[in-house]
Amino acid sequence: MTGTAPAPFTADDYRARMDRAARQAAGAGLAGLLVAPGPDLVWLTGYTPTAVTERLTLLVLAAGREPVLVVPTLEAPDAEHAPGAPAITLRDWTDGKDPYAVTAALLDADGRFGVSDNAWAMHLLGLQRALPGTSYASLTEALPMLRAVKDAAELDLLAAAGAAADAAFEEIRKVPFAGRRETDVAADLAALLRRFGHSQVDFTIVASGPNGANPHHEIGDRVIERGDMVVLDFGGLKDGYGSDTSRTVHVGEPTDEERRVHDLVREAQEAGFSAVRPGAACQDVDRAARAVIADAGYGEYFIHRTGHGIGVTTHEPPYMIEGEEQPLVPGMCFSVEPGVYLPGRFGVRIEDIVTVTGDGGRRLNNTAREMVTVD
């Protein structure tokens, strides 16, 4: 939404976020943060430019200094109406002037800065030419937990997005599957997400039969058949916050093996969820889910991490994966989504978004995890 962000966030909320980000940057040994258009800028200011162009737009944050948004003059009117604008000084530049010189005047000439991951290379190189003594680190590397802990209002928005995705699943299980293409069911899912309030649909995976063995299968024209296992993975943004859920359904009655694998994944998903508690490491969630699948002899067929964070994007830190020792903190939100993928045959994935509470975890998806059959 150009120049705006959804309620309930106020200018004071954005001011607090920018202050916190600047303090965290200083604590990490950085001279400041350089934030380009994208999810970090939306989260910090509520501002989305009219269009992503080659013209430099950059938020400059540093502890003890007022936030400054460098913006093209032709986009300044929109920036002035962003929710976080009262907390920001605008520094506009016109075509024909050097935006890097404008930005360089705001930076320490020999500082190290965190840069949002989606900043354009041409802009970073321009700043390096203007200030050859500076150095840079990606924001995900330097401050991976910047957006990870959600406040109460953010948790409410994530819960509403999860409920909307759940409502879409309850409806999609009523439509015919057999004899229709994956693309047809995916179109139904996208329409349902929008019906239940999503403004943006990021993905609608419908992976039938052997396609289910590919965790990120691109929907195609395969006709779904009776006897197919079908992995459904779908989500997007509702009021600026993400949903992401997976359920695996069966067209008609499953075989004993299909039911056994589905039950195994459900048990693994429950184990991962049960491992969620303050102070546990992210990798503990992955280990708990993975152990169930490995102990049953299917370890080589669980081929991805157990989860990823979610917020103003559908994939962000933290990540539930071996080696990630970041402790869980109340307010973190992430997926728990183990799976088993049998090449050439079928796959099963069950995914909920989970938030860390004071004494454990709370699911934001609550549809049936047991085997669901469809027509």
Protein backbone atom coordinates (compact mmCIF):
# COMPACT_ATOMS: atom_id res chain seq x y z
CA MET A 1 0.00 0.00 0.00
CA THR A 2 1.83 3.12 -1.20
CA GLY A 3 3.04 5.44 1.54
CA THR A 4 0.96 3.73 4.21
CA ALA A 5 0.89 0.78 6.58
CA PRO A 6 -1.98 -0.92 8.35
CA ALA A 7 -3.33 0.07 11.75
CA PRO A 8 -2.76 -0.22 14.68
CA PHE A 9 0.74 1.25 14.38
CA THR A 10 1.35 4.93 15.12
CA ALA A 11 4.21 7.34 14.58
CA ASP A 12 5.33 6.62 18.15
CA ASP A 13 5.44 2.89 17.38
CA TYR A 14 7.68 3.52 14.38
CA ARG A 15 9.83 5.96 16.35
CA ALA A 16 10.38 3.28 19.00
CA ARG A 17 11.31 0.72 16.35
CA MET A 18 13.83 3.07 14.74
CA ASP A 19 15.34 3.97 18.12
CA ARG A 20 15.65 0.30 19.03
CA ALA A 21 17.22 -0.57 15.68
CA ALA A 22 19.76 2.23 16.03
CA ARG A 23 20.69 1.08 19.55
CA GLN A 24 21.03 -2.52 18.43
CA ALA A 25 23.26 -1.40 15.57
CA ALA A 26 25.52 0.48 17.98
CA GLY A 27 25.59 -2.57 20.25
CA ALA A 28 26.74 -4.65 17.28
CA GLY A 29 29.61 -2.25 16.61
CA LEU A 30 27.98 -0.56 13.63
CA ALA A 31 28.03 3.15 12.87
CA GLY A 32 24.44 2.88 11.70
CA LEU A 33 21.93 1.21 9.41
CA LEU A 34 21.09 1.90 5.77
CA VAL A 35 17.61 0.65 4.94
CA ALA A 36 16.39 0.39 1.35
CA PRO A 37 12.76 -0.10 0.21
CA GLY A 38 11.48 -3.48 1.28
CA PRO A 39 10.26 -5.23 4.42
CA ASP A 40 12.76 -3.56 6.77
CA LEU A 41 11.70 -0.09 5.62
CA VAL A 42 8.01 -0.99 5.95
CA TRP A 43 8.54 -2.35 9.46
CA LEU A 44 10.61 0.65 10.57
CA THR A 45 8.59 3.45 8.98
CA GLY A 46 5.38 2.13 7.40
CA TYR A 47 6.58 3.54 4.07
CA THR A 48 6.48 1.77 0.73
CA PRO A 49 7.56 3.87 -2.28
CA THR A 50 5.13 4.30 -5.16
CA ALA A 51 7.30 2.05 -7.30
CA VAL A 52 10.67 0.34 -6.94
CA THR A 53 12.91 2.31 -9.28
CA GLU A 54 16.59 2.95 -9.87
CA ARG A 55 16.30 6.20 -7.90
CA LEU A 56 17.94 5.96 -4.47
CA THR A 57 15.65 5.78 -1.43
CA LEU A 58 17.46 5.07 1.82
CA LEU A 59 16.68 5.39 5.53
CA VAL A 60 19.76 6.31 7.58
CA LEU A 61 19.68 5.32 11.26
CA ALA A 62 22.39 5.94 13.84
CA ALA A 63 22.25 6.02 17.63
CA GLY A 64 21.91 9.54 19.01
CA ARG A 65 20.87 11.02 15.66
CA GLU A 66 17.52 11.77 14.11
CA PRO A 67 16.46 9.26 11.46
CA VAL A 68 16.84 10.64 7.94
CA LEU A 69 15.07 9.33 4.83
CA VAL A 70 16.86 10.15 1.59
CA VAL A 71 14.17 10.18 -1.07
CA PRO A 72 13.71 11.37 -4.66
CA THR A 73 11.94 14.74 -4.75
CA LEU A 74 9.13 13.37 -6.92
CA GLU A 75 8.33 10.79 -4.23
CA ALA A 76 8.68 13.11 -1.24
CA PRO A 77 4.92 13.89 -1.02
CA ASP A 78 4.14 10.20 -0.49
CA ALA A 79 6.96 9.81 2.02
CA GLU A 80 5.63 12.80 3.98
CA HIS A 81 2.35 10.93 4.54
CA ALA A 82 3.89 7.65 5.75
CA PRO A 83 2.84 6.66 9.29
CA GLY A 84 6.39 7.02 10.58
CA ALA A 85 7.06 10.34 8.84
CA PRO A 86 6.62 12.51 11.98
CA ALA A 87 9.67 10.76 13.45
CA ILE A 88 11.84 11.21 10.33
CA THR A 89 13.73 14.06 8.66
CA LEU A 90 13.31 13.93 4.88
CA ARG A 91 16.29 14.77 2.67
CA ASP A 92 15.15 14.85 -0.93
CA TRP A 93 17.22 14.97 -4.09
CA THR A 94 16.27 15.88 -7.64
CA ASP A 95 17.16 14.18 -10.89
CA GLY A 96 20.52 15.40 -12.10
CA LYS A 97 22.00 15.62 -8.60
CA ASP A 98 24.21 12.97 -7.01
CA PRO A 99 22.16 11.03 -4.42
CA TYR A 100 25.31 9.37 -3.09
CA ALA A 101 26.82 12.74 -2.19
CA VAL A 102 23.58 13.63 -0.38
CA THR A 103 23.71 10.36 1.55
CA ALA A 104 27.45 10.47 2.19
CA ALA A 105 27.01 13.74 4.09
CA LEU A 106 24.96 11.79 6.66
CA LEU A 107 27.50 9.01 7.24
CA ASP A 108 30.74 8.56 9.14
CA ALA A 109 33.47 8.50 6.51
CA ASP A 110 35.14 5.41 7.98
CA GLY A 111 32.12 3.70 9.56
CA ARG A 112 30.84 0.17 9.17
CA PHE A 113 27.13 0.05 8.35
CA GLY A 114 24.43 -2.59 8.29
CA VAL A 115 22.61 -2.62 4.95
CA SER A 116 19.21 -4.17 4.28
CA ASP A 117 19.57 -7.32 2.22
CA ASN A 118 17.49 -6.08 -0.70
CA ALA A 119 19.49 -2.87 -1.29
CA TRP A 120 20.54 -2.54 -4.91
CA ALA A 121 24.19 -3.29 -5.63
CA MET A 122 24.46 -0.11 -7.74
CA HIS A 123 23.51 1.98 -4.71
CA LEU A 124 25.94 0.26 -2.37
CA LEU A 125 28.73 0.62 -4.92
CA GLY A 126 27.82 4.29 -5.35
CA LEU A 127 28.17 4.85 -1.62
CA GLN A 128 31.50 3.02 -1.59
CA ARG A 129 32.79 5.33 -4.33
CA ALA A 130 31.62 8.38 -2.41
CA LEU A 131 33.06 7.12 0.90
CA PRO A 132 35.85 4.61 0.16
CA GLY A 133 36.64 4.28 3.88
CA THR A 134 33.27 2.78 4.74
CA SER A 135 32.44 -0.92 4.98
CA TYR A 136 29.16 -2.81 5.05
CA ALA A 137 27.44 -5.93 6.40
CA SER A 138 24.08 -7.37 5.42
CA LEU A 139 21.35 -6.63 7.94
CA THR A 140 20.46 -10.32 8.25
CA GLU A 141 24.08 -11.05 9.14
CA ALA A 142 24.55 -8.07 11.45
CA LEU A 143 21.15 -7.94 13.20
CA PRO A 144 19.33 -11.16 12.35
CA MET A 145 16.82 -10.78 15.19
CA LEU A 146 15.85 -7.16 14.41
CA ARG A 147 12.24 -8.00 13.50
CA ALA A 148 12.06 -11.42 15.15
CA VAL A 149 10.30 -10.56 18.43
CA LYS A 150 6.76 -9.34 17.79
CA ASP A 151 4.76 -7.04 20.05
CA ALA A 152 1.14 -7.70 21.03
CA ALA A 153 -0.32 -5.84 18.05
CA GLU A 154 1.90 -7.75 15.63
CA LEU A 155 0.92 -11.05 17.23
CA ASP A 156 -2.75 -10.15 16.79
CA LEU A 157 -2.18 -9.47 13.09
CA LEU A 158 -0.27 -12.72 12.63
CA ALA A 159 -3.02 -14.64 14.42
CA ALA A 160 -5.63 -13.05 12.16
CA ALA A 161 -3.61 -13.98 9.07
CA GLY A 162 -3.28 -17.55 10.35
CA ALA A 163 -7.02 -17.77 10.98
CA ALA A 164 -7.71 -16.53 7.46
CA ALA A 165 -5.42 -19.21 6.00
CA ASP A 166 -7.20 -21.81 8.15
CA ALA A 167 -10.55 -20.63 6.78
CA ALA A 168 -9.19 -21.04 3.24
CA PHE A 169 -8.18 -24.63 4.01
CA GLU A 170 -11.59 -25.48 5.44
CA GLU A 171 -13.14 -24.32 2.17
CA ILE A 172 -10.61 -25.87 -0.23
CA ARG A 173 -11.17 -29.33 1.25
CA LYS A 174 -14.79 -29.08 0.04
CA VAL A 175 -13.95 -28.58 -3.65
CA PRO A 176 -13.38 -31.43 -6.13
CA PHE A 177 -9.76 -32.47 -6.58
CA ALA A 178 -9.93 -35.58 -8.80
CA GLY A 179 -9.95 -34.79 -12.51
CA ARG A 180 -8.78 -31.20 -12.07
CA ARG A 181 -5.35 -29.70 -12.71
CA GLU A 182 -3.07 -28.51 -9.95
CA THR A 183 -3.37 -25.01 -11.38
CA ASP A 184 -7.15 -25.13 -10.95
CA VAL A 185 -6.95 -25.98 -7.25
CA ALA A 186 -4.19 -23.40 -6.76
CA ALA A 187 -6.41 -20.73 -8.32
CA ASP A 188 -9.19 -21.72 -5.91
CA LEU A 189 -6.77 -21.40 -2.98
CA ALA A 190 -5.60 -17.96 -4.08
CA ALA A 191 -9.20 -16.77 -4.43
CA LEU A 192 -10.04 -18.11 -0.98
CA LEU A 193 -7.07 -16.36 0.64
CA ARG A 194 -8.26 -13.09 -0.89
CA ARG A 195 -11.86 -13.77 0.15
CA PHE A 196 -10.70 -14.13 3.74
CA GLY A 197 -8.78 -10.87 3.73
CA HIS A 198 -5.37 -11.40 2.16
CA SER A 199 -4.22 -8.48 0.04
CA GLN A 200 -1.24 -10.44 -1.29
CA VAL A 201 -0.94 -14.14 -2.14
CA ASP A 202 2.71 -15.22 -2.07
CA PHE A 203 2.39 -18.91 -2.93
CA THR A 204 -0.17 -21.65 -3.49
CA ILE A 205 1.67 -24.95 -3.80
CA VAL A 206 -0.54 -27.83 -4.94
CA ALA A 207 1.75 -30.85 -5.34
CA SER A 208 -0.12 -34.00 -6.31
CA GLY A 209 1.09 -37.59 -6.43
CA PRO A 210 4.82 -37.79 -7.29
CA ASN A 211 5.01 -33.98 -7.45
CA GLY A 212 4.54 -33.98 -3.68
CA ALA A 213 8.08 -35.31 -3.31
CA ASN A 214 9.34 -31.84 -4.38
CA PRO A 215 8.91 -29.51 -1.37
CA HIS A 216 8.78 -26.38 -3.57
CA HIS A 217 6.94 -27.86 -6.52
CA GLU A 218 5.80 -25.30 -9.07
CA ILE A 219 2.14 -25.90 -9.87
CA GLY A 220 1.54 -27.36 -13.29
CA ASP A 221 -1.03 -28.95 -15.54
CA ARG A 222 -0.86 -32.40 -13.98
CA VAL A 223 -4.37 -33.75 -13.55
CA ILE A 224 -4.99 -34.86 -9.97
CA GLU A 225 -6.09 -38.48 -9.77
CA ARG A 226 -7.94 -40.58 -7.24
CA GLY A 227 -5.35 -42.21 -4.99
CA ASP A 228 -3.09 -39.13 -5.00
CA MET A 229 -1.59 -37.60 -1.90
CA VAL A 230 -1.68 -33.80 -2.36
CA VAL A 231 0.55 -31.37 -0.47
CA LEU A 232 -1.06 -27.94 -0.03
CA ASP A 233 1.23 -25.10 1.09
CA PHE A 234 -0.14 -21.57 0.86
CA GLY A 235 0.11 -18.12 2.35
CA GLY A 236 0.58 -14.42 1.84
CA LEU A 237 -0.04 -11.10 3.56
CA LYS A 238 -3.15 -9.92 5.39
CA ASP A 239 -3.04 -6.38 6.78
CA GLY A 240 0.71 -6.39 6.23
CA TYR A 241 1.49 -9.62 8.13
CA GLY A 242 2.10 -13.13 6.86
CA SER A 243 0.38 -16.47 6.81
CA ASP A 244 1.94 -19.79 5.83
CA THR A 245 0.43 -23.21 6.43
CA SER A 246 0.69 -26.69 4.94
CA ARG A 247 -1.67 -29.63 5.05
CA THR A 248 -1.50 -32.86 3.09
CA VAL A 249 -4.79 -34.33 1.89
CA HIS A 250 -5.60 -37.58 0.11
CA VAL A 251 -7.95 -38.02 -2.84
CA GLY A 252 -10.04 -40.96 -1.74
CA GLU A 253 -8.86 -43.54 0.77
CA PRO A 254 -5.11 -43.74 1.46
CA THR A 255 -3.03 -46.90 1.55
CA ASP A 256 -1.66 -48.18 4.84
CA GLU A 257 1.79 -46.85 3.95
CA GLU A 258 0.46 -43.39 3.05
CA ARG A 259 -1.43 -43.21 6.31
CA ARG A 260 1.63 -44.40 8.23
CA VAL A 261 3.88 -41.73 6.69
CA HIS A 262 1.27 -39.05 7.29
CA ASP A 263 0.96 -40.11 10.94
CA LEU A 264 4.76 -40.04 11.25
CA VAL A 265 4.96 -36.46 9.97
CA ARG A 266 2.12 -35.45 12.30
CA GLU A 267 4.04 -36.96 15.23
CA ALA A 268 7.19 -35.11 14.16
CA GLN A 269 5.29 -31.85 13.88
CA GLU A 270 3.91 -32.33 17.37
CA ALA A 271 7.41 -33.06 18.69
CA GLY A 272 8.75 -29.88 17.10
CA PHE A 273 5.93 -27.84 18.57
CA SER A 274 6.43 -29.39 22.01
CA ALA A 275 10.10 -28.31 21.93
CA VAL A 276 9.11 -24.63 21.69
CA ARG A 277 9.77 -22.80 24.94
CA PRO A 278 11.70 -19.70 26.06
CA GLY A 279 15.43 -20.33 26.28
CA ALA A 280 15.45 -23.35 23.99
CA ALA A 281 17.68 -22.99 20.94
CA CYS A 282 16.17 -22.76 17.47
CA GLN A 283 18.03 -25.96 16.59
CA ASP A 284 16.22 -27.79 19.39
CA VAL A 285 12.95 -27.49 17.45
CA ASP A 286 14.63 -28.95 14.37
CA ARG A 287 16.25 -31.73 16.36
CA ALA A 288 12.99 -32.76 18.04
CA ALA A 289 11.05 -33.02 14.78
CA ARG A 290 13.92 -34.62 12.87
CA ALA A 291 14.55 -37.29 15.50
CA VAL A 292 11.03 -38.68 15.13
CA ILE A 293 11.42 -39.06 11.38
CA ALA A 294 14.98 -40.42 11.59
CA ASP A 295 14.06 -42.98 14.25
CA ALA A 296 11.34 -44.31 11.95
CA GLY A 297 13.89 -44.85 9.16
CA TYR A 298 12.87 -41.90 6.96
CA GLY A 299 15.61 -39.44 7.95
CA GLU A 300 17.07 -39.17 4.44
CA TYR A 301 13.68 -38.10 3.12
CA PHE A 302 13.36 -35.03 5.38
CA ILE A 303 15.37 -32.65 3.21
CA HIS A 304 14.78 -29.12 4.52
CA ARG A 305 14.91 -27.12 7.74
CA THR A 306 12.05 -27.49 10.20
CA GLY A 307 11.01 -23.85 10.15
CA HIS A 308 11.49 -20.18 9.35
CA GLY A 309 10.38 -16.92 10.89
CA ILE A 310 7.39 -14.94 9.67
CA GLY A 311 6.23 -11.35 10.09
CA VAL A 312 5.98 -8.61 7.47
CA THR A 313 7.35 -11.24 5.10
CA THR A 314 6.48 -14.92 4.91
CA HIS A 315 10.13 -16.02 5.27
CA GLU A 316 12.56 -14.28 7.63
CA PRO A 317 14.79 -15.06 10.64
CA PRO A 318 14.88 -16.98 12.92
CA TYR A 319 15.40 -20.37 11.28
CA MET A 320 14.76 -23.72 12.94
CA ILE A 321 17.81 -25.59 11.71
CA GLU A 322 20.79 -27.50 13.11
CA GLY A 323 23.56 -25.09 14.09
CA GLU A 324 21.24 -22.18 14.92
CA GLU A 325 21.84 -21.60 18.63
CA GLN A 326 19.75 -18.42 18.89
CA PRO A 327 17.56 -18.84 22.00
CA LEU A 328 13.81 -18.62 21.61
CA VAL A 329 12.22 -15.52 23.13
CA PRO A 330 8.52 -14.85 23.84
CA GLY A 331 7.04 -13.07 20.83
CA MET A 332 9.07 -14.90 18.19
CA CYS A 333 6.92 -16.41 15.42
CA PHE A 334 8.00 -19.17 13.05
CA SER A 335 6.83 -22.22 11.19
CA VAL A 336 7.15 -25.81 12.36
CA GLU A 337 6.91 -27.86 9.16
CA PRO A 338 8.59 -31.26 8.99
CA GLY A 339 8.04 -33.40 5.93
CA VAL A 340 8.83 -36.70 4.27
CA TYR A 341 9.40 -36.80 0.51
CA LEU A 342 9.58 -40.15 -1.30
CA PRO A 343 10.97 -39.56 -4.82
CA GLY A 344 8.66 -40.57 -7.63
CA ARG A 345 5.88 -41.48 -5.20
CA PHE A 346 4.47 -38.87 -2.82
CA GLY A 347 5.26 -36.37 -0.10
CA VAL A 348 3.75 -35.24 3.19
CA ARG A 349 4.20 -31.91 4.98
CA ILE A 350 2.31 -30.48 7.95
CA GLU A 351 2.99 -26.85 8.91
CA ASP A 352 1.76 -24.47 11.57
CA ILE A 353 2.91 -21.01 12.51
CA VAL A 354 3.88 -21.01 16.18
CA THR A 355 4.60 -18.14 18.56
CA VAL A 356 6.73 -18.46 21.68
CA THR A 357 4.82 -17.71 24.89
CA GLY A 358 6.02 -17.23 28.45
CA ASP A 359 6.02 -20.94 29.15
CA GLY A 360 5.90 -22.75 25.80
CA GLY A 361 4.34 -22.18 22.40
CA ARG A 362 0.99 -21.33 20.84
CA ARG A 363 -0.15 -22.43 17.39
CA LEU A 364 -1.58 -19.81 15.05
CA ASN A 365 -2.94 -22.52 12.72
CA ASN A 366 -5.58 -24.84 14.08
CA THR A 367 -7.04 -26.92 11.25
CA ALA A 368 -7.00 -30.72 11.46
CA ARG A 369 -3.55 -32.30 11.35
CA GLU A 370 -4.99 -35.78 10.98
CA MET A 371 -5.36 -37.28 7.50
CA VAL A 372 -8.07 -35.45 5.54
CA THR A 373 -9.63 -37.12 2.50
CA VAL A 374 -11.08 -35.13 -0.39
CA ASP A 375 -13.05 -36.03 -3.51
